[in-house]
Amino acid sequence: MRLKIENIVTIGANNFINALSPGILILSLFLLSFSQNTQAQAGVQFSFGGPQDDMGRGAYQTSDKGYLILGRTQSFGQGSDDILLTKTDSLGNILWSKTFGTALRDVGYNLKEDHSGGYISVNWVVHSGSSYDDWYILRFDDNGNVVQEQFIGGTDDDEIMNFDLTSDGGYIFAGSSRSVGLDGVDSWIVKTDASLNPLWNKTYTTGQSEHSRSIQETSSGNYAYLGNTGPGGVTIMNFFIMYLNSTGDTIWAKQAGGTQYDYGRDAIIANDGNFLYMGNTNSYGVGGYDILLFKITPAGNVLWAKTYGGAGNDEAYQISRSLDGNYMIAGTTTSFGVGDDLMLLNVNDNGDLIMANSVGGSQDDGIPYLAAALDSGYVITTGSSSYGAGGQDVLVIKTDKYGNSCCTQPITGLVVQNISLDVSPISVDTSSGMILPSHTIISSNISSLRSAAWRKQHV
């Protein structure tokens, strides 16, 4: 059952006014225990933020069963937006919180556990004296102390989107570049060693505009890549998928989609070694936008393709695999729930729907990001206007392996369709080039934390 605002136990008026004071981080905690298939499952939902807009961009459940959350904040830090890094215990109580940034706009984008402990995140920083972005790669220890920073960019706008840890101890990064490509915006892939020293880099263009979304190393040491290609604007777009060898040479390149706006969001290596590509489609399905998921072999053959949606807009953003081998898709929906709610789709290796849930309040809730938890469940983070005390606050949700939590509501009426997806080869040109710019990043502790603006517990 959806948690309603009127069901929340609130604090007194004076304390509430104090909690909204600038510089105070507000923590809202919702805790439950519930039953799934006669087994007790624990879930937790909490939000935190300041007086301005704050949102989560990634969360991991740490070995102590707490949470590490990457986000962006307008409430704290140096500039208009700063990178926000927060560590909590298993109940969502804040242990420490830090910002990283410059006097300009800085955005945290993706977070993963590093090779030998600690974490690594990819972020954007604005180049001083201009409006264009550079890549900012940050490695830090379990306490948020900086281990290493690396900046990659050029003389124009360059944005990093995703990365993977590679079997040689290094990293593979995927983004987009206006600085070193051949025409306009090109996909840009950079391979580094364990110390973030670039080993090779290449841009890829189909003669249109290309934007990276995901890159994954396969068991053979090659790379499965997902991006988007189109003429620019908002009328036509297709999935841009490539299979690359260990040095970035193209084994094959294809575009997938119909005649309208179809765009990729995330990819994952499936249990059977094939590739799952996920995104959204306006060419197929039953609504405005539907979620599109398809499986393709390393030889480039499509095994199946499916859409998921309702009468409104249903859009996917991330896919993750849990310890039980199934997958969770995190997205947003206007077909189910109230306003723009989060949607969680649990599917198996064939794309068959296991369970669908929505979660949200009376206001719109933002783009969700998710990762597998330690118990076969998932951790989702987003920005929410429904929960918390600021304009938009960071929202973290821990679910079981089906996507159930304290505040989820089962979705009924979701339409799943098998489709014949149009996939065709596409010609790709490559180039290379790189500049390693410098930036001064200031890290600040957020010390005045006030917890439990409200709390409700179910047994």
Protein backbone atom coordinates (compact mmCIF):
# COMPACT_ATOMS: atom_id res chain seq x y z
CA MET A 1 0.00 0.00 0.00
CA ARG A 2 1.31 3.46 -0.90
CA LEU A 3 2.56 5.53 2.03
CA LYS A 4 0.43 8.67 2.19
CA ILE A 5 1.65 11.96 3.58
CA GLU A 6 -1.13 11.97 6.15
CA ASN A 7 0.15 8.68 7.57
CA ILE A 8 3.54 10.16 8.49
CA VAL A 9 4.16 10.98 12.13
CA THR A 10 5.38 14.59 12.06
CA ILE A 11 7.44 16.57 14.52
CA GLY A 12 6.31 19.75 16.24
CA ALA A 13 6.05 23.04 14.41
CA ASN A 14 9.06 24.69 16.06
CA ASN A 15 11.32 21.74 15.40
CA PHE A 16 10.06 21.57 11.82
CA ILE A 17 10.98 25.24 11.25
CA ASN A 18 14.43 24.63 12.71
CA ALA A 19 14.89 21.56 10.54
CA LEU A 20 14.31 23.65 7.43
CA SER A 21 17.06 26.13 8.31
CA PRO A 22 19.75 26.53 5.59
CA GLY A 23 22.79 24.35 6.08
CA ILE A 24 20.83 21.61 7.85
CA LEU A 25 20.50 18.28 6.13
CA ILE A 26 17.02 16.82 6.63
CA LEU A 27 16.72 13.07 7.03
CA SER A 28 13.37 11.34 6.66
CA LEU A 29 13.19 7.67 7.52
CA PHE A 30 10.55 5.09 6.83
CA LEU A 31 11.27 1.60 8.15
CA LEU A 32 9.33 -1.59 7.76
CA SER A 33 9.36 -5.29 8.05
CA PHE A 34 7.11 -7.24 5.71
CA SER A 35 6.51 -10.79 4.56
CA GLN A 36 7.18 -12.21 1.10
CA ASN A 37 6.38 -15.85 0.44
CA THR A 38 6.18 -16.39 4.24
CA GLN A 39 9.77 -15.16 4.69
CA ALA A 40 10.41 -11.90 6.52
CA GLN A 41 12.09 -9.32 4.30
CA ALA A 42 13.46 -6.00 5.53
CA GLY A 43 13.09 -2.79 3.56
CA VAL A 44 13.94 0.79 4.32
CA GLN A 45 13.13 4.10 2.67
CA PHE A 46 14.65 7.44 3.63
CA SER A 47 15.21 10.88 2.18
CA PHE A 48 17.56 13.73 2.94
CA GLY A 49 18.35 17.14 1.57
CA GLY A 50 18.56 20.83 2.21
CA PRO A 51 16.46 23.87 1.32
CA GLN A 52 17.21 23.64 -2.43
CA ASP A 53 17.00 20.78 -4.93
CA ASP A 54 19.07 17.66 -4.21
CA MET A 55 18.93 14.30 -5.96
CA GLY A 56 20.53 10.86 -5.86
CA ARG A 57 22.44 9.50 -8.85
CA GLY A 58 23.60 6.14 -7.49
CA ALA A 59 23.69 4.09 -4.28
CA TYR A 60 25.49 1.00 -3.05
CA GLN A 61 24.84 -1.19 -0.05
CA THR A 62 28.17 -1.42 1.75
CA SER A 63 29.60 -4.44 3.58
CA ASP A 64 28.29 -3.11 6.93
CA LYS A 65 24.79 -3.11 5.34
CA GLY A 66 24.76 0.67 5.27
CA TYR A 67 24.48 2.77 2.13
CA LEU A 68 26.83 4.97 0.10
CA ILE A 69 24.93 7.50 -1.98
CA LEU A 70 26.22 9.62 -4.86
CA GLY A 71 24.18 12.64 -5.84
CA ARG A 72 24.10 16.28 -6.77
CA THR A 73 23.19 19.16 -4.49
CA GLN A 74 22.15 22.77 -4.84
CA SER A 75 21.84 23.15 -1.05
CA PHE A 76 25.50 22.71 -0.08
CA GLY A 77 28.98 23.10 -1.53
CA GLN A 78 30.81 25.66 -3.63
CA GLY A 79 28.73 26.39 -6.72
CA SER A 80 25.27 26.15 -8.26
CA ASP A 81 25.51 22.33 -8.24
CA ASP A 82 28.05 20.19 -6.40
CA ILE A 83 28.72 16.46 -6.20
CA LEU A 84 27.21 15.02 -3.01
CA LEU A 85 28.58 11.88 -1.32
CA THR A 86 26.80 10.51 1.77
CA LYS A 87 27.32 7.43 3.96
CA THR A 88 24.52 6.07 6.17
CA ASP A 89 24.03 3.10 8.44
CA SER A 90 21.58 0.29 7.65
CA LEU A 91 18.61 2.34 8.87
CA GLY A 92 19.50 5.44 6.89
CA ASN A 93 21.06 7.44 9.74
CA ILE A 94 23.74 9.69 8.25
CA LEU A 95 27.31 8.88 9.31
CA TRP A 96 29.03 11.48 7.13
CA SER A 97 28.32 13.61 4.08
CA LYS A 98 30.67 15.52 1.79
CA THR A 99 30.51 17.74 -1.27
CA PHE A 100 33.03 17.95 -4.10
CA GLY A 101 33.00 20.80 -6.55
CA THR A 102 34.09 24.12 -7.93
CA ALA A 103 32.44 27.54 -8.01
CA LEU A 104 30.56 26.38 -11.13
CA ARG A 105 28.25 23.42 -11.89
CA ASP A 106 29.53 19.93 -10.95
CA VAL A 107 27.43 16.79 -11.35
CA GLY A 108 27.91 13.28 -9.92
CA TYR A 109 26.79 10.74 -12.49
CA ASN A 110 27.70 7.11 -11.75
CA LEU A 111 29.16 5.10 -8.87
CA LYS A 112 30.72 1.63 -8.55
CA GLU A 113 32.78 -0.33 -6.06
CA ASP A 114 36.47 -0.22 -6.99
CA HIS A 115 38.80 -3.15 -7.69
CA SER A 116 40.50 -3.38 -4.30
CA GLY A 117 38.11 -1.63 -1.94
CA GLY A 118 36.84 1.90 -1.95
CA TYR A 119 34.75 3.34 -4.75
CA ILE A 120 35.02 5.11 -8.07
CA SER A 121 32.61 7.62 -9.56
CA VAL A 122 32.34 9.47 -12.85
CA ASN A 123 31.25 13.09 -12.83
CA TRP A 124 31.11 16.28 -14.88
CA VAL A 125 32.86 19.55 -14.06
CA VAL A 126 32.51 22.82 -15.96
CA HIS A 127 35.72 24.19 -17.41
CA SER A 128 36.63 27.53 -15.83
CA GLY A 129 35.79 30.52 -17.99
CA SER A 130 33.45 28.54 -20.25
CA SER A 131 30.21 26.61 -20.23
CA TYR A 132 31.57 23.26 -21.43
CA ASP A 133 32.05 20.11 -19.39
CA ASP A 134 35.09 17.92 -18.75
CA TRP A 135 35.18 14.37 -17.43
CA TYR A 136 35.98 14.09 -13.72
CA ILE A 137 36.89 10.61 -12.49
CA LEU A 138 37.11 10.31 -8.70
CA ARG A 139 38.42 7.41 -6.64
CA PHE A 140 37.87 7.53 -2.88
CA ASP A 141 38.12 5.28 0.17
CA ASP A 142 35.35 4.01 2.44
CA ASN A 143 35.35 7.29 4.39
CA GLY A 144 35.05 9.52 1.34
CA ASN A 145 38.72 10.56 1.33
CA VAL A 146 40.10 11.23 -2.14
CA VAL A 147 42.46 8.52 -3.42
CA GLN A 148 42.87 9.80 -6.96
CA GLU A 149 41.40 12.31 -9.39
CA GLN A 150 41.64 12.34 -13.17
CA PHE A 151 40.27 14.91 -15.60
CA ILE A 152 39.74 14.21 -19.29
CA GLY A 153 38.44 16.68 -21.85
CA GLY A 154 39.20 19.08 -24.63
CA THR A 155 38.35 22.51 -25.94
CA ASP A 156 34.59 21.92 -26.15
CA ASP A 157 31.84 20.03 -24.37
CA ASP A 158 32.75 16.49 -23.22
CA GLU A 159 30.47 14.45 -20.98
CA ILE A 160 31.08 11.08 -19.34
CA MET A 161 28.13 8.72 -18.91
CA ASN A 162 29.19 5.24 -17.80
CA PHE A 163 32.12 2.92 -17.17
CA ASP A 164 33.14 -0.60 -16.24
CA LEU A 165 35.97 -2.16 -14.24
CA THR A 166 38.09 -4.29 -16.55
CA SER A 167 39.72 -7.68 -15.92
CA ASP A 168 43.26 -6.24 -16.25
CA GLY A 169 42.70 -4.05 -13.19
CA GLY A 170 41.95 -0.95 -15.24
CA TYR A 171 38.83 0.78 -16.46
CA ILE A 172 36.84 1.46 -19.62
CA PHE A 173 34.92 4.77 -19.81
CA ALA A 174 32.21 5.83 -22.26
CA GLY A 175 31.02 9.34 -22.92
CA SER A 176 30.49 11.89 -25.64
CA SER A 177 32.75 14.55 -27.10
CA ARG A 178 32.57 17.70 -29.16
CA SER A 179 36.32 18.24 -28.72
CA VAL A 180 37.95 15.29 -30.45
CA GLY A 181 35.28 13.81 -32.74
CA LEU A 182 34.84 14.09 -36.49
CA ASP A 183 31.46 15.81 -36.68
CA GLY A 184 29.43 17.46 -33.94
CA VAL A 185 28.87 15.16 -30.96
CA ASP A 186 30.57 11.75 -31.20
CA SER A 187 30.72 8.77 -28.86
CA TRP A 188 34.04 8.71 -27.00
CA ILE A 189 35.58 5.65 -25.33
CA VAL A 190 38.71 5.79 -23.17
CA LYS A 191 40.61 2.78 -21.79
CA THR A 192 42.91 3.35 -18.80
CA ASP A 193 45.21 1.30 -16.63
CA ALA A 194 44.76 0.81 -12.89
CA SER A 195 46.18 4.29 -12.20
CA LEU A 196 43.76 5.97 -14.63
CA ASN A 197 46.51 6.59 -17.19
CA PRO A 198 44.91 6.51 -20.69
CA LEU A 199 46.01 3.53 -22.79
CA TRP A 200 43.87 4.31 -25.84
CA ASN A 201 40.91 6.45 -26.79
CA LYS A 202 38.61 6.55 -29.80
CA THR A 203 35.60 8.49 -30.99
CA TYR A 204 32.90 6.83 -33.09
CA THR A 205 30.49 8.51 -35.48
CA THR A 206 27.82 7.36 -37.91
CA GLY A 207 27.77 10.78 -39.57
CA GLN A 208 25.07 12.01 -37.21
CA SER A 209 25.06 12.88 -33.48
CA GLU A 210 26.10 10.07 -31.12
CA HIS A 211 25.78 9.87 -27.34
CA SER A 212 27.13 7.08 -25.12
CA ARG A 213 25.03 5.36 -22.47
CA SER A 214 26.76 2.16 -21.35
CA ILE A 215 29.82 -0.01 -21.85
CA GLN A 216 30.42 -3.49 -20.42
CA GLU A 217 33.44 -5.79 -20.61
CA THR A 218 32.55 -9.31 -21.76
CA SER A 219 34.10 -12.58 -20.56
CA SER A 220 36.23 -12.62 -23.73
CA GLY A 221 37.78 -9.23 -22.96
CA ASN A 222 35.75 -7.44 -25.64
CA TYR A 223 33.21 -4.67 -25.00
CA ALA A 224 29.46 -4.38 -25.47
CA TYR A 225 28.56 -0.74 -26.10
CA LEU A 226 25.26 1.13 -26.07
CA GLY A 227 24.62 4.65 -27.27
CA ASN A 228 22.22 6.60 -29.43
CA THR A 229 22.48 7.99 -32.93
CA GLY A 230 20.31 10.46 -34.81
CA PRO A 231 20.29 13.74 -36.66
CA GLY A 232 19.83 15.72 -33.45
CA GLY A 233 16.71 17.33 -32.07
CA VAL A 234 13.78 15.37 -30.67
CA THR A 235 12.15 13.77 -33.71
CA ILE A 236 14.24 10.75 -34.70
CA MET A 237 16.69 8.63 -32.67
CA ASN A 238 17.86 5.01 -32.73
CA PHE A 239 19.84 2.74 -30.45
CA PHE A 240 23.52 2.71 -31.45
CA ILE A 241 25.05 -0.64 -30.45
CA MET A 242 28.60 -1.86 -31.06
CA TYR A 243 30.72 -4.87 -30.23
CA LEU A 244 34.37 -3.82 -29.85
CA ASN A 245 37.58 -5.77 -29.37
CA SER A 246 40.04 -5.15 -26.54
CA THR A 247 41.64 -2.17 -28.34
CA GLY A 248 38.38 -0.53 -29.36
CA ASP A 249 38.24 -1.75 -32.95
CA THR A 250 34.72 -2.37 -34.23
CA ILE A 251 33.72 -6.03 -34.62
CA TRP A 252 30.22 -4.95 -35.63
CA ALA A 253 28.04 -1.87 -35.32
CA LYS A 254 24.27 -1.69 -35.67
CA GLN A 255 21.35 0.64 -35.15
CA ALA A 256 18.10 -0.58 -33.63
CA GLY A 257 14.69 1.02 -33.57
CA GLY A 258 11.85 2.26 -35.71
CA THR A 259 10.97 5.47 -37.51
CA GLN A 260 10.38 7.60 -34.43
CA TYR A 261 12.27 8.40 -31.23
CA ASP A 262 13.88 5.24 -29.77
CA TYR A 263 16.82 5.66 -27.43
CA GLY A 264 19.02 3.41 -25.32
CA ARG A 265 19.61 3.93 -21.62
CA ASP A 266 21.52 0.99 -20.16
CA ALA A 267 22.99 -2.45 -20.95
CA ILE A 268 24.13 -5.51 -19.04
CA ILE A 269 25.82 -8.82 -19.79
CA ALA A 270 23.15 -11.51 -19.35
CA ASN A 271 23.62 -14.75 -17.40
CA ASP A 272 24.10 -16.69 -20.65
CA GLY A 273 26.80 -14.32 -21.99
CA ASN A 274 24.50 -12.51 -24.40
CA PHE A 275 23.78 -8.79 -24.12
CA LEU A 276 20.65 -7.11 -22.77
CA TYR A 277 20.05 -3.62 -24.17
CA MET A 278 17.38 -1.46 -22.57
CA GLY A 279 15.82 1.87 -23.35
CA ASN A 280 12.63 3.52 -24.52
CA THR A 281 10.60 3.55 -27.70
CA ASN A 282 8.04 5.72 -29.41
CA SER A 283 7.94 3.41 -32.45
CA TYR A 284 6.65 0.27 -30.72
CA GLY A 285 4.35 -0.51 -27.80
CA VAL A 286 0.96 0.74 -26.65
CA GLY A 287 1.50 4.18 -25.10
CA GLY A 288 3.39 7.38 -25.71
CA TYR A 289 6.77 5.96 -24.69
CA ASP A 290 7.19 2.31 -23.71
CA ILE A 291 10.19 0.51 -22.24
CA LEU A 292 12.14 -1.52 -24.80
CA LEU A 293 14.30 -4.50 -23.80
CA PHE A 294 16.05 -6.84 -26.22
CA LYS A 295 18.68 -9.57 -26.07
CA ILE A 296 21.39 -9.87 -28.72
CA THR A 297 24.23 -12.38 -29.15
CA PRO A 298 27.95 -11.52 -29.45
CA ALA A 299 27.51 -12.27 -33.17
CA GLY A 300 24.91 -9.48 -33.39
CA ASN A 301 21.79 -11.62 -33.74
CA VAL A 302 18.63 -10.52 -31.91
CA LEU A 303 17.12 -13.34 -29.84
CA TRP A 304 14.02 -11.49 -28.67
CA ALA A 305 12.66 -7.99 -28.11
CA LYS A 306 9.83 -6.82 -25.83
CA THR A 307 8.06 -3.64 -24.83
CA TYR A 308 6.48 -2.84 -21.46
CA GLY A 309 4.01 -0.05 -20.89
CA GLY A 310 0.58 1.45 -20.45
CA ALA A 311 -1.46 4.28 -21.91
CA GLY A 312 0.92 7.04 -20.75
CA ASN A 313 4.69 7.42 -20.86
CA ASP A 314 6.78 4.61 -19.34
CA GLU A 315 10.54 5.14 -19.51
CA ALA A 316 13.45 3.01 -18.27
CA TYR A 317 16.79 4.34 -16.99
CA GLN A 318 18.79 1.48 -15.47
CA ILE A 319 18.90 -2.30 -15.35
CA SER A 320 20.69 -4.41 -12.75
CA ARG A 321 21.05 -8.12 -11.99
CA SER A 322 20.56 -9.42 -8.47
CA LEU A 323 22.26 -12.37 -6.80
CA ASP A 324 19.37 -14.67 -7.77
CA GLY A 325 20.06 -14.08 -11.48
CA ASN A 326 16.96 -12.09 -12.38
CA TYR A 327 16.92 -8.43 -13.41
CA MET A 328 15.34 -5.23 -12.19
CA ILE A 329 14.47 -2.33 -14.50
CA ALA A 330 14.08 1.06 -12.83
CA GLY A 331 12.11 3.73 -14.64
CA THR A 332 9.31 6.25 -14.41
CA THR A 333 5.64 6.03 -15.31
CA THR A 334 2.67 8.28 -15.96
CA SER A 335 0.53 5.25 -16.82
CA PHE A 336 0.36 3.98 -13.24
CA GLY A 337 0.42 5.68 -9.86
CA VAL A 338 -0.01 9.43 -9.28
CA GLY A 339 1.79 11.90 -11.51
CA ASP A 340 5.30 10.88 -12.52
CA ASP A 341 6.08 7.90 -10.25
CA LEU A 342 8.95 5.42 -10.09
CA MET A 343 8.37 2.06 -11.76
CA LEU A 344 10.20 -1.19 -10.94
CA LEU A 345 9.96 -4.15 -13.33
CA ASN A 346 11.39 -7.51 -12.25
CA VAL A 347 12.09 -9.75 -15.28
CA ASN A 348 13.83 -13.06 -15.95
CA ASP A 349 16.46 -14.00 -18.56
CA ASN A 350 13.82 -14.19 -21.28
CA GLY A 351 12.32 -10.81 -20.44
CA ASP A 352 9.22 -12.38 -18.89
CA LEU A 353 7.65 -10.14 -16.26
CA ILE A 354 7.87 -11.48 -12.70
CA MET A 355 6.50 -8.47 -10.83
CA ALA A 356 5.82 -4.78 -11.46
CA ASN A 357 5.59 -2.07 -8.80
CA SER A 358 5.26 1.69 -8.64
CA VAL A 359 6.38 3.97 -5.83
CA GLY A 360 5.82 7.65 -5.33
CA GLY A 361 3.83 10.30 -3.56
CA SER A 362 1.59 13.20 -4.46
CA GLN A 363 4.34 15.06 -6.36
CA ASP A 364 6.60 14.08 -9.25
CA ASP A 365 9.56 11.80 -8.51
CA GLY A 366 12.73 11.92 -10.58
CA ILE A 367 14.98 9.60 -12.57
CA PRO A 368 15.83 6.40 -10.63
CA TYR A 369 19.23 4.71 -10.39
CA LEU A 370 19.69 1.26 -8.92
CA ALA A 371 22.23 -1.35 -7.87
CA ALA A 372 22.05 -4.90 -6.52
CA ALA A 373 21.97 -5.19 -2.72
CA LEU A 374 23.71 -7.80 -0.56
CA ASP A 375 20.59 -9.97 -0.10
CA SER A 376 19.36 -10.33 -3.73
CA GLY A 377 17.34 -7.14 -3.33
CA TYR A 378 18.04 -3.73 -4.81
CA VAL A 379 18.92 -0.20 -3.75
CA ILE A 380 17.24 2.62 -5.69
CA THR A 381 18.03 6.31 -5.42
CA THR A 382 16.45 9.33 -7.06
CA GLY A 383 15.30 12.85 -6.39
CA SER A 384 11.80 13.23 -4.99
CA SER A 385 9.43 16.13 -4.48
CA SER A 386 7.02 13.83 -2.62
CA TYR A 387 9.18 12.95 0.37
CA GLY A 388 11.52 15.12 2.44
CA ALA A 389 11.59 18.80 3.30
CA GLY A 390 13.38 20.61 0.46
CA GLY A 391 12.28 21.41 -3.06
CA GLN A 392 13.57 18.02 -4.20
CA ASP A 393 15.35 15.67 -1.81
CA VAL A 394 17.52 12.59 -2.23
CA LEU A 395 15.34 9.49 -1.87
CA VAL A 396 16.81 6.02 -1.17
CA ILE A 397 14.70 2.86 -1.31
CA LYS A 398 15.80 -0.65 -0.34
CA THR A 399 13.63 -3.41 -1.84
CA ASP A 400 13.53 -7.18 -1.82
CA LYS A 401 14.40 -9.17 -4.95
CA TYR A 402 10.92 -8.58 -6.40
CA GLY A 403 10.99 -4.81 -5.94
CA ASN A 404 8.75 -4.74 -2.86
CA SER A 405 9.37 -2.11 -0.19
CA CYS A 406 7.37 -0.23 2.39
CA CYS A 407 5.90 2.18 -0.11
CA THR A 408 5.54 0.21 -3.34
CA GLN A 409 2.20 -0.47 -4.97
CA PRO A 410 1.63 -3.39 -7.35
CA ILE A 411 1.01 -2.41 -10.97
CA THR A 412 -1.89 -4.05 -12.75
CA GLY A 413 -2.61 -3.67 -16.44
CA LEU A 414 0.98 -3.40 -17.66
CA VAL A 415 1.11 -4.53 -21.31
CA VAL A 416 4.07 -6.69 -22.37
CA GLN A 417 4.48 -7.20 -26.12
CA ASN A 418 6.84 -9.32 -28.20
CA ILE A 419 7.97 -7.20 -31.15
CA SER A 420 9.95 -7.61 -34.34
CA LEU A 421 12.71 -5.07 -33.77
CA ASP A 422 14.33 -3.45 -36.79
CA VAL A 423 18.12 -3.92 -36.43
CA SER A 424 20.50 -3.10 -39.27
CA PRO A 425 24.26 -2.65 -39.79
CA ILE A 426 25.62 0.88 -39.69
CA SER A 427 28.91 2.34 -40.90
CA VAL A 428 31.18 3.89 -38.28
CA ASP A 429 34.18 6.21 -38.61
CA THR A 430 36.69 6.62 -35.80
CA SER A 431 39.25 9.17 -34.66
CA SER A 432 41.24 9.86 -31.49
CA GLY A 433 42.63 12.70 -29.45
CA MET A 434 42.88 13.72 -25.84
CA ILE A 435 43.66 16.55 -23.47
CA LEU A 436 44.11 16.08 -19.72
CA PRO A 437 42.87 19.39 -18.26
CA SER A 438 43.31 20.50 -14.65
CA HIS A 439 40.68 21.60 -12.17
CA THR A 440 40.75 22.50 -8.49
CA ILE A 441 38.09 20.50 -6.67
CA ILE A 442 37.16 21.62 -3.15
CA SER A 443 35.85 18.97 -0.74
CA SER A 444 33.67 20.12 2.15
CA ASN A 445 32.16 18.21 5.06
CA ILE A 446 28.49 18.84 5.81
CA SER A 447 28.71 18.82 9.58
CA SER A 448 25.36 20.08 10.89
CA LEU A 449 23.17 17.06 10.29
CA ARG A 450 19.79 16.67 11.88
CA SER A 451 18.13 13.28 11.62
CA ALA A 452 14.59 11.96 11.97
CA ALA A 453 12.46 14.92 10.95
CA TRP A 454 9.77 12.25 10.94
CA ARG A 455 9.73 8.53 11.50
CA LYS A 456 7.19 5.74 11.12
CA GLN A 457 7.67 2.07 11.80
CA HIS A 458 5.60 -0.93 10.77
CA VAL A 459 5.97 -4.42 12.21
